[in-house]
Amino acid sequence: MKEYSYSIDMPHAAARIWTTMQDYEKWPEFAKPMVTGISVVEKGDEKGNGLVRQVHYKLPLGIKGKSTERVHDVTPGVGYTYTTKTGTVGIIRLEKLGPNSTKLHFNEKVKYKFPISLFEGRIQKFVEKYNRKTMENMAQWLTEHPEYPGKKS
């Protein structure tokens, strides 16, 4: 099992980042090139505990795949943990630094199954790089879309 973590300062309110992270239809707009889509398989409770999502992705060597993730330990507006069917565990936490300043903390313990495990080193470098890039892209996307999220009717 490989573990990695990072933290990113984002010039946005934690509530705005949280809303974006929960809007799975928006992910393909900023999660390129790794994440190609996210679909909700099971809705969770009112906080999001128990939500099951399928993350569709591309990896090096032309590999396409999907990861089924169950979300749990949700603290709305702050963070959650997800666990995959293969045993990977990820934790995302938002630390409010100011009204428009948030530090995103990410930690993931990755478990690869055969045959992907044969390319673990190369794939792990890609995953680490593009997972972080996804979060940086989300911050940039929010900067470019100051109207998001709009008022709900």
N, C-alpha and C. Protein backbone atom coordinates (compact mmCIF):
# COMPACT_ATOMS: atom_id res chain seq x y z
N MET A 1 0.85 -1.17 0.00
CA MET A 1 0.00 0.00 0.00
C MET A 1 0.89 1.24 0.00
N LYS A 2 0.62 2.16 -0.90
CA LYS A 2 1.37 3.41 -1.01
C LYS A 2 0.56 4.53 -0.36
N GLU A 3 1.25 5.44 0.31
CA GLU A 3 0.57 6.57 0.94
C GLU A 3 1.21 7.86 0.47
N TYR A 4 0.38 8.86 0.22
CA TYR A 4 0.88 10.19 -0.10
C TYR A 4 -0.10 11.21 0.43
N SER A 5 0.38 12.43 0.60
CA SER A 5 -0.48 13.51 1.07
C SER A 5 0.06 14.84 0.57
N TYR A 6 -0.80 15.82 0.58
CA TYR A 6 -0.41 17.19 0.22
C TYR A 6 -1.42 18.15 0.81
N SER A 7 -1.03 19.42 0.85
CA SER A 7 -1.92 20.51 1.26
C SER A 7 -1.77 21.62 0.24
N ILE A 8 -2.88 22.28 -0.06
CA ILE A 8 -2.90 23.36 -1.05
C ILE A 8 -3.66 24.55 -0.46
N ASP A 9 -3.07 25.73 -0.55
CA ASP A 9 -3.78 26.95 -0.18
C ASP A 9 -4.65 27.37 -1.36
N MET A 10 -5.91 27.67 -1.07
CA MET A 10 -6.85 28.06 -2.12
C MET A 10 -7.46 29.42 -1.77
N PRO A 11 -7.54 30.33 -2.74
CA PRO A 11 -8.07 31.66 -2.47
C PRO A 11 -9.59 31.72 -2.55
N HIS A 12 -10.25 30.78 -1.89
CA HIS A 12 -11.71 30.70 -1.94
C HIS A 12 -12.25 30.28 -0.58
N ALA A 13 -13.49 30.63 -0.34
CA ALA A 13 -14.15 30.26 0.91
C ALA A 13 -14.32 28.73 0.96
N ALA A 14 -14.19 28.18 2.15
CA ALA A 14 -14.33 26.73 2.32
C ALA A 14 -15.70 26.26 1.85
N ALA A 15 -16.75 27.03 2.12
CA ALA A 15 -18.10 26.62 1.71
C ALA A 15 -18.21 26.52 0.19
N ARG A 16 -17.55 27.40 -0.52
CA ARG A 16 -17.59 27.39 -1.99
C ARG A 16 -16.83 26.17 -2.53
N ILE A 17 -15.70 25.87 -1.94
CA ILE A 17 -14.93 24.69 -2.35
C ILE A 17 -15.73 23.43 -2.07
N TRP A 18 -16.34 23.36 -0.89
CA TRP A 18 -17.15 22.19 -0.51
C TRP A 18 -18.28 21.98 -1.52
N THR A 19 -18.98 23.04 -1.87
CA THR A 19 -20.08 22.93 -2.83
C THR A 19 -19.57 22.40 -4.17
N THR A 20 -18.44 22.87 -4.61
CA THR A 20 -17.87 22.42 -5.88
C THR A 20 -17.47 20.95 -5.80
N MET A 21 -16.88 20.56 -4.69
CA MET A 21 -16.46 19.17 -4.54
C MET A 21 -17.65 18.21 -4.55
N GLN A 22 -18.82 18.68 -4.14
CA GLN A 22 -20.01 17.82 -4.10
C GLN A 22 -20.79 17.86 -5.42
N ASP A 23 -20.42 18.74 -6.33
CA ASP A 23 -21.11 18.88 -7.62
C ASP A 23 -20.39 18.02 -8.65
N TYR A 24 -20.73 16.74 -8.65
CA TYR A 24 -19.99 15.77 -9.48
C TYR A 24 -20.12 16.03 -10.98
N GLU A 25 -21.16 16.73 -11.40
CA GLU A 25 -21.29 17.05 -12.83
C GLU A 25 -20.23 18.05 -13.27
N LYS A 26 -19.71 18.84 -12.36
CA LYS A 26 -18.69 19.85 -12.69
C LYS A 26 -17.28 19.26 -12.78
N TRP A 27 -17.03 18.12 -12.12
CA TRP A 27 -15.67 17.57 -12.07
C TRP A 27 -14.97 17.44 -13.42
N PRO A 28 -15.63 16.97 -14.47
CA PRO A 28 -14.92 16.85 -15.76
C PRO A 28 -14.41 18.19 -16.30
N GLU A 29 -14.97 19.30 -15.82
CA GLU A 29 -14.52 20.61 -16.29
C GLU A 29 -13.15 20.98 -15.72
N PHE A 30 -12.79 20.48 -14.56
CA PHE A 30 -11.51 20.86 -13.97
C PHE A 30 -10.61 19.68 -13.61
N ALA A 31 -11.09 18.46 -13.72
CA ALA A 31 -10.30 17.30 -13.29
C ALA A 31 -9.53 16.63 -14.42
N LYS A 32 -9.41 17.29 -15.56
CA LYS A 32 -8.68 16.73 -16.69
C LYS A 32 -7.19 16.70 -16.37
N PRO A 33 -6.41 15.79 -16.89
CA PRO A 33 -6.79 14.73 -17.82
C PRO A 33 -7.14 13.42 -17.13
N MET A 34 -7.04 13.35 -15.81
CA MET A 34 -7.20 12.05 -15.16
C MET A 34 -8.66 11.66 -15.01
N VAL A 35 -9.48 12.48 -14.35
CA VAL A 35 -10.87 12.12 -14.10
C VAL A 35 -11.71 12.52 -15.32
N THR A 36 -12.44 11.56 -15.86
CA THR A 36 -13.28 11.83 -17.03
C THR A 36 -14.76 11.91 -16.67
N GLY A 37 -15.12 11.54 -15.46
CA GLY A 37 -16.50 11.64 -15.03
C GLY A 37 -16.70 10.98 -13.67
N ILE A 38 -17.75 11.41 -13.00
CA ILE A 38 -18.14 10.81 -11.72
C ILE A 38 -19.64 10.61 -11.75
N SER A 39 -20.08 9.42 -11.41
CA SER A 39 -21.51 9.17 -11.33
C SER A 39 -21.85 8.67 -9.93
N VAL A 40 -23.00 9.11 -9.44
CA VAL A 40 -23.46 8.69 -8.12
C VAL A 40 -24.27 7.41 -8.29
N VAL A 41 -23.84 6.35 -7.62
CA VAL A 41 -24.50 5.05 -7.68
C VAL A 41 -25.56 4.92 -6.59
N GLU A 42 -25.23 5.40 -5.40
CA GLU A 42 -26.17 5.41 -4.27
C GLU A 42 -26.04 6.74 -3.56
N LYS A 43 -27.19 7.35 -3.27
CA LYS A 43 -27.17 8.59 -2.51
C LYS A 43 -26.96 8.23 -1.04
N GLY A 44 -26.26 9.08 -0.36
CA GLY A 44 -26.04 8.87 1.07
C GLY A 44 -27.13 9.54 1.88
N ASP A 45 -26.88 9.68 3.17
CA ASP A 45 -27.82 10.36 4.05
C ASP A 45 -27.74 11.86 3.82
N GLU A 46 -28.41 12.64 4.65
CA GLU A 46 -28.47 14.09 4.44
C GLU A 46 -27.09 14.75 4.51
N LYS A 47 -26.14 14.14 5.20
CA LYS A 47 -24.78 14.68 5.26
C LYS A 47 -23.90 14.17 4.12
N GLY A 48 -24.30 13.07 3.50
CA GLY A 48 -23.50 12.46 2.45
C GLY A 48 -22.86 11.15 2.86
N ASN A 49 -23.01 10.76 4.13
CA ASN A 49 -22.49 9.47 4.57
C ASN A 49 -23.18 8.34 3.81
N GLY A 50 -22.39 7.39 3.33
CA GLY A 50 -22.96 6.26 2.61
C GLY A 50 -23.07 6.48 1.11
N LEU A 51 -22.80 7.68 0.63
CA LEU A 51 -22.84 7.95 -0.81
C LEU A 51 -21.83 7.03 -1.49
N VAL A 52 -22.23 6.43 -2.60
CA VAL A 52 -21.34 5.60 -3.41
C VAL A 52 -21.22 6.26 -4.77
N ARG A 53 -19.99 6.49 -5.18
CA ARG A 53 -19.74 7.14 -6.48
C ARG A 53 -18.76 6.30 -7.27
N GLN A 54 -18.90 6.39 -8.60
CA GLN A 54 -17.94 5.75 -9.49
C GLN A 54 -17.15 6.86 -10.16
N VAL A 55 -15.85 6.79 -9.98
CA VAL A 55 -14.95 7.77 -10.58
C VAL A 55 -14.33 7.11 -11.80
N HIS A 56 -14.57 7.69 -12.96
CA HIS A 56 -14.03 7.18 -14.22
C HIS A 56 -12.75 7.95 -14.51
N TYR A 57 -11.68 7.24 -14.89
CA TYR A 57 -10.39 7.88 -15.04
C TYR A 57 -9.57 7.27 -16.17
N LYS A 58 -8.50 8.01 -16.53
CA LYS A 58 -7.51 7.54 -17.49
C LYS A 58 -6.16 7.54 -16.78
N LEU A 59 -5.37 6.53 -17.05
CA LEU A 59 -4.02 6.40 -16.50
C LEU A 59 -3.04 6.28 -17.65
N PRO A 60 -1.73 6.30 -17.34
CA PRO A 60 -0.75 6.09 -18.40
C PRO A 60 -0.95 4.72 -19.06
N LEU A 61 -0.30 4.53 -20.16
CA LEU A 61 -0.35 3.28 -20.92
C LEU A 61 -1.72 3.03 -21.53
N GLY A 62 -2.54 4.08 -21.63
CA GLY A 62 -3.86 3.94 -22.23
C GLY A 62 -4.89 3.23 -21.37
N ILE A 63 -4.59 3.06 -20.10
CA ILE A 63 -5.51 2.35 -19.21
C ILE A 63 -6.67 3.25 -18.81
N LYS A 64 -7.88 2.74 -18.98
CA LYS A 64 -9.09 3.43 -18.52
C LYS A 64 -9.69 2.57 -17.44
N GLY A 65 -10.26 3.21 -16.46
CA GLY A 65 -10.84 2.42 -15.39
C GLY A 65 -11.87 3.20 -14.61
N LYS A 66 -12.36 2.55 -13.57
CA LYS A 66 -13.28 3.22 -12.67
C LYS A 66 -13.01 2.73 -11.26
N SER A 67 -13.25 3.60 -10.34
CA SER A 67 -13.07 3.29 -8.93
C SER A 67 -14.41 3.53 -8.24
N THR A 68 -14.88 2.51 -7.54
CA THR A 68 -16.12 2.66 -6.78
C THR A 68 -15.75 3.06 -5.36
N GLU A 69 -16.24 4.21 -4.93
CA GLU A 69 -15.86 4.78 -3.65
C GLU A 69 -17.09 5.00 -2.77
N ARG A 70 -16.98 4.60 -1.51
CA ARG A 70 -18.02 4.88 -0.52
C ARG A 70 -17.54 6.00 0.38
N VAL A 71 -18.35 7.04 0.50
CA VAL A 71 -18.02 8.21 1.30
C VAL A 71 -18.57 8.02 2.72
N HIS A 72 -17.75 8.35 3.72
CA HIS A 72 -18.18 8.21 5.11
C HIS A 72 -17.43 9.22 5.98
N ASP A 73 -17.79 9.26 7.25
CA ASP A 73 -17.20 10.20 8.20
C ASP A 73 -17.28 11.64 7.69
N VAL A 74 -18.45 12.00 7.15
CA VAL A 74 -18.65 13.32 6.57
C VAL A 74 -18.92 14.36 7.66
N THR A 75 -18.18 15.44 7.61
CA THR A 75 -18.48 16.64 8.38
C THR A 75 -18.75 17.71 7.33
N PRO A 76 -20.03 18.04 7.07
CA PRO A 76 -20.36 18.97 5.99
C PRO A 76 -19.56 20.27 6.07
N GLY A 77 -19.02 20.66 4.94
CA GLY A 77 -18.24 21.88 4.84
C GLY A 77 -16.81 21.74 5.32
N VAL A 78 -16.46 20.58 5.87
CA VAL A 78 -15.12 20.39 6.43
C VAL A 78 -14.38 19.24 5.76
N GLY A 79 -15.02 18.08 5.61
CA GLY A 79 -14.30 16.99 4.99
C GLY A 79 -15.01 15.66 5.07
N TYR A 80 -14.35 14.66 4.52
CA TYR A 80 -14.89 13.30 4.49
C TYR A 80 -13.77 12.31 4.22
N THR A 81 -14.12 11.05 4.38
CA THR A 81 -13.23 9.95 4.05
C THR A 81 -13.93 9.12 2.98
N TYR A 82 -13.16 8.53 2.08
CA TYR A 82 -13.75 7.58 1.14
C TYR A 82 -12.91 6.31 1.14
N THR A 83 -13.58 5.21 0.89
CA THR A 83 -12.93 3.90 0.82
C THR A 83 -13.37 3.23 -0.46
N THR A 84 -12.42 2.66 -1.19
CA THR A 84 -12.75 1.96 -2.44
C THR A 84 -12.94 0.47 -2.17
N LYS A 85 -13.49 -0.20 -3.16
CA LYS A 85 -13.66 -1.65 -3.07
C LYS A 85 -12.33 -2.38 -2.95
N THR A 86 -11.26 -1.78 -3.49
CA THR A 86 -9.95 -2.42 -3.45
C THR A 86 -9.18 -2.14 -2.16
N GLY A 87 -9.71 -1.24 -1.32
CA GLY A 87 -9.06 -0.96 -0.05
C GLY A 87 -8.33 0.37 0.04
N THR A 88 -8.35 1.16 -1.03
CA THR A 88 -7.76 2.51 -0.97
C THR A 88 -8.61 3.36 -0.04
N VAL A 89 -7.95 4.18 0.77
CA VAL A 89 -8.64 5.09 1.69
C VAL A 89 -8.12 6.50 1.47
N GLY A 90 -9.03 7.44 1.24
CA GLY A 90 -8.66 8.84 1.05
C GLY A 90 -9.36 9.72 2.06
N ILE A 91 -8.67 10.75 2.50
CA ILE A 91 -9.24 11.71 3.45
C ILE A 91 -9.02 13.11 2.89
N ILE A 92 -10.11 13.88 2.84
CA ILE A 92 -10.06 15.26 2.39
C ILE A 92 -10.59 16.13 3.52
N ARG A 93 -9.84 17.19 3.86
CA ARG A 93 -10.24 18.13 4.90
C ARG A 93 -10.01 19.55 4.41
N LEU A 94 -10.95 20.41 4.72
CA LEU A 94 -10.83 21.84 4.41
C LEU A 94 -10.58 22.59 5.71
N GLU A 95 -9.53 23.39 5.73
CA GLU A 95 -9.19 24.21 6.89
C GLU A 95 -9.44 25.67 6.52
N LYS A 96 -10.43 26.28 7.16
CA LYS A 96 -10.76 27.67 6.89
C LYS A 96 -9.66 28.56 7.47
N LEU A 97 -9.03 29.35 6.61
CA LEU A 97 -7.97 30.27 7.04
C LEU A 97 -8.49 31.69 7.17
N GLY A 98 -9.51 32.02 6.41
CA GLY A 98 -10.10 33.36 6.39
C GLY A 98 -11.36 33.31 5.56
N PRO A 99 -12.02 34.45 5.37
CA PRO A 99 -13.29 34.45 4.63
C PRO A 99 -13.15 33.93 3.19
N ASN A 100 -12.03 34.19 2.56
CA ASN A 100 -11.78 33.72 1.20
C ASN A 100 -10.43 33.03 1.10
N SER A 101 -10.14 32.22 2.08
CA SER A 101 -8.86 31.51 2.10
C SER A 101 -9.03 30.18 2.83
N THR A 102 -8.66 29.11 2.15
CA THR A 102 -8.84 27.76 2.68
C THR A 102 -7.62 26.93 2.34
N LYS A 103 -7.24 26.07 3.26
CA LYS A 103 -6.19 25.10 2.98
C LYS A 103 -6.87 23.74 2.82
N LEU A 104 -6.65 23.10 1.67
CA LEU A 104 -7.18 21.77 1.42
C LEU A 104 -6.09 20.76 1.78
N HIS A 105 -6.44 19.80 2.62
CA HIS A 105 -5.53 18.73 3.01
C HIS A 105 -6.03 17.43 2.39
N PHE A 106 -5.13 16.68 1.77
CA PHE A 106 -5.49 15.43 1.13
C PHE A 106 -4.50 14.35 1.54
N ASN A 107 -5.02 13.19 1.87
CA ASN A 107 -4.18 12.04 2.20
C ASN A 107 -4.83 10.81 1.57
N GLU A 108 -4.02 9.98 0.96
CA GLU A 108 -4.56 8.77 0.35
C GLU A 108 -3.59 7.61 0.54
N LYS A 109 -4.15 6.48 0.97
CA LYS A 109 -3.42 5.22 1.05
C LYS A 109 -3.97 4.36 -0.07
N VAL A 110 -3.15 4.12 -1.08
CA VAL A 110 -3.59 3.46 -2.31
C VAL A 110 -3.22 1.99 -2.30
N LYS A 111 -4.19 1.17 -2.67
CA LYS A 111 -3.96 -0.26 -2.81
C LYS A 111 -4.32 -0.65 -4.25
N TYR A 112 -3.33 -1.16 -4.98
CA TYR A 112 -3.55 -1.57 -6.37
C TYR A 112 -3.76 -3.07 -6.46
N LYS A 113 -4.64 -3.46 -7.39
CA LYS A 113 -4.88 -4.88 -7.65
C LYS A 113 -4.11 -5.29 -8.90
N PHE A 114 -3.85 -6.56 -9.01
CA PHE A 114 -3.24 -7.13 -10.20
C PHE A 114 -4.21 -6.97 -11.37
N PRO A 115 -3.82 -6.59 -12.56
CA PRO A 115 -2.46 -6.42 -13.07
C PRO A 115 -1.92 -5.00 -12.89
N ILE A 116 -2.76 -4.05 -12.43
CA ILE A 116 -2.30 -2.68 -12.25
C ILE A 116 -1.09 -2.63 -11.31
N SER A 117 -1.07 -3.51 -10.33
CA SER A 117 0.03 -3.53 -9.36
C SER A 117 1.39 -3.76 -10.03
N LEU A 118 1.40 -4.35 -11.22
CA LEU A 118 2.66 -4.57 -11.94
C LEU A 118 3.31 -3.24 -12.34
N PHE A 119 2.50 -2.20 -12.49
CA PHE A 119 2.98 -0.89 -12.91
C PHE A 119 2.84 0.14 -11.79
N GLU A 120 2.81 -0.34 -10.56
CA GLU A 120 2.51 0.49 -9.39
C GLU A 120 3.34 1.76 -9.30
N GLY A 121 4.64 1.67 -9.47
CA GLY A 121 5.50 2.85 -9.34
C GLY A 121 5.15 3.94 -10.33
N ARG A 122 5.05 3.56 -11.58
CA ARG A 122 4.75 4.54 -12.64
C ARG A 122 3.35 5.12 -12.46
N ILE A 123 2.40 4.27 -12.15
CA ILE A 123 1.03 4.73 -11.99
C ILE A 123 0.90 5.62 -10.76
N GLN A 124 1.59 5.26 -9.68
CA GLN A 124 1.51 6.05 -8.45
C GLN A 124 2.01 7.47 -8.68
N LYS A 125 3.10 7.64 -9.41
CA LYS A 125 3.61 8.99 -9.71
C LYS A 125 2.57 9.79 -10.47
N PHE A 126 1.93 9.16 -11.44
CA PHE A 126 0.89 9.82 -12.23
C PHE A 126 -0.28 10.22 -11.34
N VAL A 127 -0.75 9.30 -10.51
CA VAL A 127 -1.91 9.56 -9.64
C VAL A 127 -1.61 10.71 -8.69
N GLU A 128 -0.45 10.68 -8.06
CA GLU A 128 -0.08 11.75 -7.14
C GLU A 128 -0.04 13.10 -7.85
N LYS A 129 0.59 13.15 -9.01
CA LYS A 129 0.73 14.40 -9.76
C LYS A 129 -0.65 14.94 -10.18
N TYR A 130 -1.47 14.07 -10.77
CA TYR A 130 -2.72 14.56 -11.32
C TYR A 130 -3.83 14.69 -10.28
N ASN A 131 -3.74 14.00 -9.18
CA ASN A 131 -4.69 14.23 -8.11
C ASN A 131 -4.50 15.64 -7.56
N ARG A 132 -3.27 16.00 -7.30
CA ARG A 132 -2.97 17.37 -6.84
C ARG A 132 -3.37 18.39 -7.90
N LYS A 133 -3.06 18.09 -9.16
CA LYS A 133 -3.39 19.00 -10.26
C LYS A 133 -4.90 19.22 -10.35
N THR A 134 -5.68 18.18 -10.08
CA THR A 134 -7.14 18.31 -10.08
C THR A 134 -7.58 19.37 -9.08
N MET A 135 -7.02 19.33 -7.88
CA MET A 135 -7.40 20.30 -6.85
C MET A 135 -6.94 21.71 -7.21
N GLU A 136 -5.75 21.82 -7.78
CA GLU A 136 -5.26 23.12 -8.25
C GLU A 136 -6.15 23.64 -9.37
N ASN A 137 -6.56 22.75 -10.28
CA ASN A 137 -7.46 23.14 -11.36
C ASN A 137 -8.81 23.60 -10.82
N MET A 138 -9.30 22.94 -9.75
CA MET A 138 -10.56 23.35 -9.16
C MET A 138 -10.45 24.78 -8.64
N ALA A 139 -9.36 25.11 -7.96
CA ALA A 139 -9.16 26.47 -7.46
C ALA A 139 -9.15 27.46 -8.62
N GLN A 140 -8.46 27.11 -9.69
CA GLN A 140 -8.41 27.99 -10.87
C GLN A 140 -9.78 28.12 -11.51
N TRP A 141 -10.51 27.02 -11.60
CA TRP A 141 -11.86 27.04 -12.18
C TRP A 141 -12.76 27.96 -11.37
N LEU A 142 -12.67 27.89 -10.04
CA LEU A 142 -13.49 28.76 -9.19
C LEU A 142 -13.12 30.23 -9.40
N THR A 143 -11.85 30.53 -9.60
CA THR A 143 -11.41 31.90 -9.88
C THR A 143 -12.01 32.39 -11.20
N GLU A 144 -12.04 31.50 -12.19
CA GLU A 144 -12.56 31.86 -13.51
C GLU A 144 -14.08 31.88 -13.57
N HIS A 145 -14.75 31.35 -12.56
CA HIS A 145 -16.22 31.30 -12.52
C HIS A 145 -16.73 31.89 -11.21
N PRO A 146 -16.56 33.21 -11.05
CA PRO A 146 -16.96 33.84 -9.78
C PRO A 146 -18.46 33.74 -9.51
N GLU A 147 -19.25 33.46 -10.53
CA GLU A 147 -20.70 33.33 -10.37
C GLU A 147 -21.11 31.99 -9.74
N TYR A 148 -20.17 31.05 -9.69
CA TYR A 148 -20.50 29.72 -9.18
C TYR A 148 -20.21 29.65 -7.69
N PRO A 149 -21.00 29.00 -6.90
CA PRO A 149 -22.33 28.49 -7.25
C PRO A 149 -23.36 29.60 -7.19
N GLY A 150 -24.30 29.55 -8.10
CA GLY A 150 -25.37 30.55 -8.11
C GLY A 150 -26.38 30.25 -7.02
N LYS A 151 -27.29 31.14 -6.85
CA LYS A 151 -28.36 30.93 -5.87
C LYS A 151 -29.27 29.81 -6.35
N LYS A 152 -29.64 28.95 -5.43
CA LYS A 152 -30.57 27.85 -5.74
C LYS A 152 -31.98 28.40 -5.73
N SER A 153 -32.78 28.03 -6.74
CA SER A 153 -34.16 28.51 -6.77
C SER A 153 -35.10 27.59 -6.06
